[in-house]
Each structure stands twice: as C-alpha cells, then as structure tokens.
Amino acid sequence: MKPFTFTLRQEPPQRVDLSALTPDRLAGKSLAEIEKIEIGTTRASAKVGDLFKLAEGDLKSVRYDGGSARFDRVGAKLLPGFSIHVDGDVGLELGRLAKGGVITVTGGAGAYAASGNEGAHIEIKGDAGEMLAGPLAGELAGMSGGRVVVRGKVGARAGDRLRRGILIIEGDAGDDLGARFIAGTIIALGQTSGRVGYLNKRGSIILAKRPELLPTYVDCGAHVFTFAGLFARALKADSAGAAALLSQKLHRYGGDTAVFGKGEILTPA
C-alpha cells in the first residue's frame, strides 16, 4: 500500500513541532482531525492543514514530500514496526527518544538528531548538525540503542555521552567526536578534529584517518581482530566504507585513561 503522505504546500513561517505526526499517534484519526492538529511553536497558530496537503495511505509508513530545516522532532518516540521517510531536510531532534522503526531523510538534519534514540534505524543522506546522538542539557546519556548512518559531515560533539548503539559517519566530523563516550561504537570515515574520545569510558571509536590523539590514550599495537571481520559483514548493507575499514588490520589505542580507560580508538595499521 501507499504510505500516508504529507505534501508540503509552502515553507513554514515558523518552526513546527512534528512529534504528533508519528503513525501510532495518527491511528484512528480522520483526515479532517489530522488537519486540525496544532504544530506551531509560537503564538501564531499553525495547523497541519495550513502547511500540508494530506493523502491517505497505510499508516505503518509516513512520507513527507518536501522537507524544511524548520521541521523539528520528526519521528520523536517512533515505535517499532513503523517507518518515516522525509524527501528533503529536517530540523532539530530528528528521531528524539525513538523506540524503534526506520527513519530516512534524503537531505540534512539539524542539531540533536537521534538524541536519546533507543532502537530506531536512522539514515541521514545529507549532513547533520552538532550533538548528533547526544543528550539534551541535564540528561546523563545520549543515544542508548539503534543505528544511525550519516552520509555527509556532522557538527561538533557527535556521539556525546553515547550509551549504546552504532553511529556511522561517512563524512567529516566536527570537534570532540565521542566526547564523554560511555559505551557503544562510533565509526568515522572522514577527517576528525579536537579531543576525539575525550573521557571515553568503554566505547569503541573506529577512524579511517588517525588524528592527533590525546596523551591519555595508550598505544597497544596492531592486531587482527576477529570481531572486526564479523562486524564488517553486519554493517556492509549500511555502509560499504565502514565494512571496508573494519576488514583491515587495525592499530589499537586504549583509553581514555583519564577515566576508566576501558575504551579504545582503532585506526588502520
């Protein structure tokens, strides 16, 4: 069946909160009821019907024909078994606290994409802003599960306080990739800068290009890791570049010894 489709009529005059437009929240509502949902974030009213033309379809899948950098919280708290596709850009907090499902964005995403993601598979074909998969202010952990793939570059502090899950960045990463890393895996194929892996407790950061590492990382030598080959097979469908990187002999640096020291940075030997 065709997906339930929102076709953008015009660029939103303000930022809009689209967290109410996930498949489970739309279930049981008529088109007229959905058109009346308030999505504005200012005093000026903005309803779904003001910005979108709706087309009924299978509510297991929602599609946005047309995107905007003002589309905030797309796919927030998405449940397993559902999918959302955006043909264009999105704004802040894409997939925030998603429980599962699949989110695909053909354009770029704003800051805090995949923040608190618990199990969704999120693919961003453009660039992503700062704090990718990171926590909001006051939260103790960022992403705690799922898989995120960014085809372009990302902003500063991607993977900040990552708790669990896999983060793949095919472009360049901004400053302090994997800062305060708790656990999980980050794979970066482009250039990195700043304090990579700062205060990494027990996470794995795999880099195609070795930057200048912090002095609190210990050189452990080159190794052939059996797990890396198995991991490469599991990731091949998501990123051929990540799979190729993991298939190589890797040099391990243990750290950050400023904290637990059970984490690591791996680069081609």
Protein backbone atom coordinates (compact mmCIF):
# COMPACT_ATOMS: atom_id res chain seq x y z
CA MET A 1 0.00 0.00 0.00
CA LYS A 2 0.98 3.63 -0.45
CA PRO A 3 2.30 5.46 2.64
CA PHE A 4 0.30 8.14 4.42
CA THR A 5 1.67 11.27 2.74
CA PHE A 6 2.15 14.88 3.85
CA THR A 7 2.91 17.10 0.84
CA LEU A 8 4.39 20.46 1.82
CA ARG A 9 2.36 23.40 0.47
CA GLN A 10 4.78 26.16 1.47
CA GLU A 11 7.82 26.84 3.62
CA PRO A 12 6.67 27.02 7.27
CA PRO A 13 6.57 30.64 8.55
CA GLN A 14 7.84 29.37 11.94
CA ARG A 15 9.48 26.29 13.42
CA VAL A 16 6.98 23.45 13.65
CA ASP A 17 6.87 20.54 16.09
CA LEU A 18 6.02 17.37 14.13
CA SER A 19 6.30 14.95 17.05
CA ALA A 20 2.50 14.45 16.97
CA LEU A 21 2.62 13.09 13.41
CA THR A 22 4.05 9.63 14.05
CA PRO A 23 1.98 6.67 12.76
CA ASP A 24 0.81 5.50 16.19
CA ARG A 25 -0.42 8.99 17.14
CA LEU A 26 -2.30 9.36 13.84
CA ALA A 27 -4.06 6.00 14.09
CA GLY A 28 -7.83 6.28 14.34
CA LYS A 29 -7.95 9.93 13.24
CA SER A 30 -9.74 11.18 10.13
CA LEU A 31 -8.05 13.48 7.62
CA ALA A 32 -10.09 16.38 8.98
CA GLU A 33 -8.93 15.68 12.52
CA ILE A 34 -5.30 15.42 11.44
CA GLU A 35 -5.50 18.70 9.54
CA LYS A 36 -6.55 20.45 12.76
CA ILE A 37 -3.54 19.25 14.81
CA GLU A 38 -1.61 22.27 16.13
CA ILE A 39 2.08 22.08 15.23
CA GLY A 40 3.17 25.71 15.72
CA THR A 41 5.76 26.70 18.28
CA THR A 42 4.94 30.42 18.60
CA ARG A 43 1.87 32.45 19.50
CA ALA A 44 0.80 32.35 15.84
CA SER A 45 -1.32 29.30 15.11
CA ALA A 46 -0.02 26.74 12.61
CA LYS A 47 -2.06 23.63 11.90
CA VAL A 48 -1.21 20.61 9.80
CA GLY A 49 -3.74 21.61 7.13
CA ASP A 50 -2.15 25.05 6.78
CA LEU A 51 1.18 23.59 5.68
CA PHE A 52 0.44 20.17 4.22
CA LYS A 53 -1.81 18.50 1.69
CA LEU A 54 -2.73 15.06 3.05
CA ALA A 55 -3.15 11.79 1.17
CA GLU A 56 -4.45 8.71 2.96
CA GLY A 57 -2.39 5.54 2.94
CA ASP A 58 -1.01 2.76 5.09
CA LEU A 59 -0.27 4.30 8.49
CA LYS A 60 2.60 1.90 9.10
CA SER A 61 4.56 4.27 6.88
CA VAL A 62 4.51 8.08 6.81
CA ARG A 63 6.07 10.10 3.99
CA TYR A 64 6.85 13.82 3.75
CA ASP A 65 7.05 15.09 0.16
CA GLY A 66 9.13 18.17 0.78
CA GLY A 67 11.20 19.00 3.83
CA SER A 68 12.41 22.04 5.72
CA ALA A 69 15.07 22.96 8.25
CA ARG A 70 12.10 24.11 10.37
CA PHE A 71 10.68 20.57 10.71
CA ASP A 72 11.54 19.78 14.36
CA ARG A 73 11.16 16.44 16.21
CA VAL A 74 10.25 14.36 13.17
CA GLY A 75 9.84 10.75 14.32
CA ALA A 76 10.04 11.57 18.03
CA LYS A 77 9.25 8.47 20.13
CA LEU A 78 8.67 6.39 16.99
CA LEU A 79 7.62 2.84 17.84
CA PRO A 80 8.98 -0.42 16.36
CA GLY A 81 7.29 -1.61 13.17
CA PHE A 82 6.73 1.87 11.71
CA SER A 83 8.71 3.99 9.25
CA ILE A 84 9.04 7.67 8.31
CA HIS A 85 10.59 9.00 5.10
CA VAL A 86 11.37 12.68 4.51
CA ASP A 87 12.15 13.85 0.99
CA GLY A 88 14.16 16.91 1.97
CA ASP A 89 15.68 18.47 5.08
CA VAL A 90 14.58 18.30 8.71
CA GLY A 91 15.28 20.49 11.73
CA LEU A 92 16.11 19.78 15.37
CA GLU A 93 15.85 16.49 17.29
CA LEU A 94 15.13 14.06 14.47
CA GLY A 95 14.12 10.70 15.98
CA ARG A 96 14.28 12.04 19.53
CA LEU A 97 13.67 9.16 22.01
CA ALA A 98 12.62 6.81 19.19
CA LYS A 99 11.87 3.32 20.48
CA GLY A 100 12.39 1.60 17.12
CA GLY A 101 11.33 1.71 13.49
CA VAL A 102 13.08 3.27 10.48
CA ILE A 103 13.61 6.96 9.70
CA THR A 104 15.12 8.07 6.37
CA VAL A 105 15.97 11.66 5.43
CA THR A 106 17.19 12.47 1.92
CA GLY A 107 18.52 15.88 2.97
CA GLY A 108 20.25 17.19 6.07
CA ALA A 109 19.27 17.28 9.74
CA GLY A 110 19.70 19.90 12.45
CA ALA A 111 21.23 19.59 15.91
CA TYR A 112 20.48 16.75 18.32
CA ALA A 113 19.45 14.23 15.66
CA ALA A 114 18.91 10.79 17.24
CA SER A 115 19.12 12.31 20.74
CA GLY A 116 18.03 9.63 23.19
CA ASN A 117 17.38 7.16 20.36
CA GLU A 118 16.61 3.78 21.92
CA GLY A 119 16.29 1.48 18.93
CA ALA A 120 15.46 3.19 15.63
CA HIS A 121 17.46 2.78 12.43
CA ILE A 122 18.06 6.36 11.22
CA GLU A 123 19.68 7.27 7.90
CA ILE A 124 20.55 10.88 7.03
CA LYS A 125 21.76 11.20 3.45
CA GLY A 126 22.96 14.78 3.86
CA ASP A 127 24.79 16.50 6.73
CA ALA A 128 23.83 16.56 10.41
CA GLY A 129 24.26 19.33 12.97
CA GLU A 130 26.04 19.36 16.31
CA MET A 131 25.39 16.91 19.15
CA LEU A 132 24.37 14.05 16.86
CA ALA A 133 23.03 11.27 19.12
CA GLY A 134 23.91 13.42 22.14
CA PRO A 135 21.87 14.30 25.24
CA LEU A 136 19.88 17.44 25.86
CA ALA A 137 21.03 19.70 28.69
CA GLY A 138 20.75 17.96 32.05
CA GLU A 139 20.47 14.43 30.65
CA LEU A 140 23.01 11.81 31.73
CA ALA A 141 23.23 9.86 28.46
CA GLY A 142 22.70 10.35 24.75
CA MET A 143 21.65 7.60 22.35
CA SER A 144 21.04 4.28 24.12
CA GLY A 145 20.43 1.92 21.20
CA GLY A 146 19.72 1.59 17.50
CA ARG A 147 21.83 2.51 14.49
CA VAL A 148 22.46 5.91 12.88
CA VAL A 149 24.12 6.42 9.49
CA VAL A 150 25.06 9.89 8.22
CA ARG A 151 26.28 10.04 4.61
CA GLY A 152 27.59 13.60 4.90
CA LYS A 153 29.50 15.54 7.54
CA VAL A 154 28.44 16.17 11.13
CA GLY A 155 28.89 19.02 13.61
CA ALA A 156 30.76 19.15 16.90
CA ARG A 157 30.39 16.63 19.72
CA ALA A 158 28.78 13.84 17.72
CA GLY A 159 28.22 10.81 19.94
CA ASP A 160 28.49 12.85 23.14
CA ARG A 161 27.70 10.57 26.12
CA LEU A 162 26.68 7.77 23.74
CA ARG A 163 25.39 4.93 25.91
CA ARG A 164 24.73 2.13 23.42
CA GLY A 165 24.24 1.61 19.69
CA ILE A 166 26.16 2.20 16.44
CA LEU A 167 26.94 5.59 14.89
CA ILE A 168 28.42 5.66 11.36
CA ILE A 169 29.66 8.96 9.87
CA GLU A 170 30.81 8.77 6.26
CA GLY A 171 31.87 12.43 6.01
CA ASP A 172 33.99 14.65 8.24
CA ALA A 173 33.21 15.07 11.93
CA GLY A 174 33.43 18.29 13.95
CA ASP A 175 35.36 18.82 17.16
CA ASP A 176 35.30 16.36 20.07
CA LEU A 177 33.83 13.28 18.40
CA GLY A 178 32.83 10.74 21.05
CA ALA A 179 33.37 13.08 23.99
CA ARG A 180 32.29 11.60 27.33
CA PHE A 181 31.60 8.34 25.49
CA ILE A 182 30.03 5.74 27.81
CA ALA A 183 29.70 2.66 25.58
CA GLY A 184 28.78 1.63 22.03
CA THR A 185 30.51 2.10 18.67
CA ILE A 186 31.35 5.14 16.54
CA ILE A 187 32.79 4.74 13.03
CA ALA A 188 34.06 7.83 11.17
CA LEU A 189 35.39 7.69 7.60
CA GLY A 190 36.33 11.36 7.16
CA GLN A 191 38.53 13.84 8.97
CA THR A 192 38.15 14.43 12.71
CA SER A 193 39.37 17.26 14.92
CA GLY A 194 39.58 18.37 18.54
CA ARG A 195 39.65 15.99 21.51
CA VAL A 196 38.50 12.76 19.87
CA GLY A 197 37.35 10.30 22.53
CA TYR A 198 37.73 12.77 25.39
CA LEU A 199 36.78 10.99 28.67
CA ASN A 200 35.83 7.82 26.78
CA LYS A 201 34.91 5.21 29.41
CA ARG A 202 34.48 1.97 27.43
CA GLY A 203 33.34 2.80 23.90
CA SER A 204 34.95 1.89 20.58
CA ILE A 205 35.84 4.66 18.11
CA ILE A 206 36.98 3.42 14.70
CA LEU A 207 38.61 6.03 12.47
CA ALA A 208 39.66 5.74 8.84
CA LYS A 209 42.12 8.64 9.35
CA ARG A 210 44.13 8.83 12.57
CA PRO A 211 44.11 12.29 14.16
CA GLU A 212 46.47 13.56 16.85
CA LEU A 213 45.28 11.58 19.85
CA LEU A 214 45.06 12.69 23.45
CA PRO A 215 48.11 11.78 25.57
CA THR A 216 45.83 9.73 27.85
CA TYR A 217 45.46 7.05 25.15
CA VAL A 218 47.93 4.16 25.32
CA ASP A 219 49.44 2.57 22.20
CA CYS A 220 48.51 -1.15 22.27
CA GLY A 221 49.92 -2.10 18.87
CA ALA A 222 48.45 -3.52 15.66
CA HIS A 223 46.11 -6.50 15.72
CA VAL A 224 43.85 -8.63 13.56
CA PHE A 225 40.51 -8.58 15.40
CA THR A 226 38.16 -11.48 14.70
CA PHE A 227 35.18 -9.44 15.87
CA ALA A 228 36.01 -6.69 13.36
CA GLY A 229 35.57 -9.04 10.41
CA LEU A 230 32.22 -10.24 11.72
CA PHE A 231 31.16 -6.68 12.45
CA ALA A 232 32.11 -5.67 8.88
CA ARG A 233 29.68 -8.22 7.44
CA ALA A 234 26.88 -6.95 9.67
CA LEU A 235 27.46 -3.34 8.57
CA LYS A 236 28.03 -3.87 4.84
CA ALA A 237 24.40 -3.15 3.90
CA ASP A 238 24.52 0.17 5.78
CA SER A 239 27.98 1.39 4.78
CA ALA A 240 30.42 -0.26 2.39
CA GLY A 241 33.10 2.17 3.60
CA ALA A 242 32.65 1.17 7.24
CA ALA A 243 32.76 -2.52 6.29
CA ALA A 244 35.99 -1.99 4.33
CA LEU A 245 37.59 -0.14 7.26
CA LEU A 246 36.75 -2.93 9.70
CA SER A 247 38.14 -5.54 7.32
CA GLN A 248 41.67 -4.13 7.68
CA LYS A 249 44.36 -4.82 10.25
CA LEU A 250 43.77 -2.23 12.96
CA HIS A 251 46.01 -0.36 15.39
CA ARG A 252 44.54 -0.09 18.88
CA TYR A 253 44.90 2.77 21.34
CA GLY A 254 43.41 2.13 24.78
CA GLY A 255 41.77 4.87 26.82
CA ASP A 256 40.74 7.34 27.90
CA THR A 257 42.94 6.52 30.93
CA ALA A 258 41.82 9.81 32.49
CA VAL A 259 38.64 7.88 33.38
CA PHE A 260 38.03 4.08 33.30
CA GLY A 261 40.45 3.50 30.43
CA LYS A 262 38.43 0.57 29.05
CA GLY A 263 37.60 2.29 25.79
CA GLU A 264 39.58 2.30 22.57
CA ILE A 265 40.38 4.08 19.34
CA LEU A 266 41.11 1.87 16.32
CA THR A 267 42.77 3.10 13.13
CA PRO A 268 44.22 1.29 10.07
CA ALA A 269 47.57 -0.24 10.91
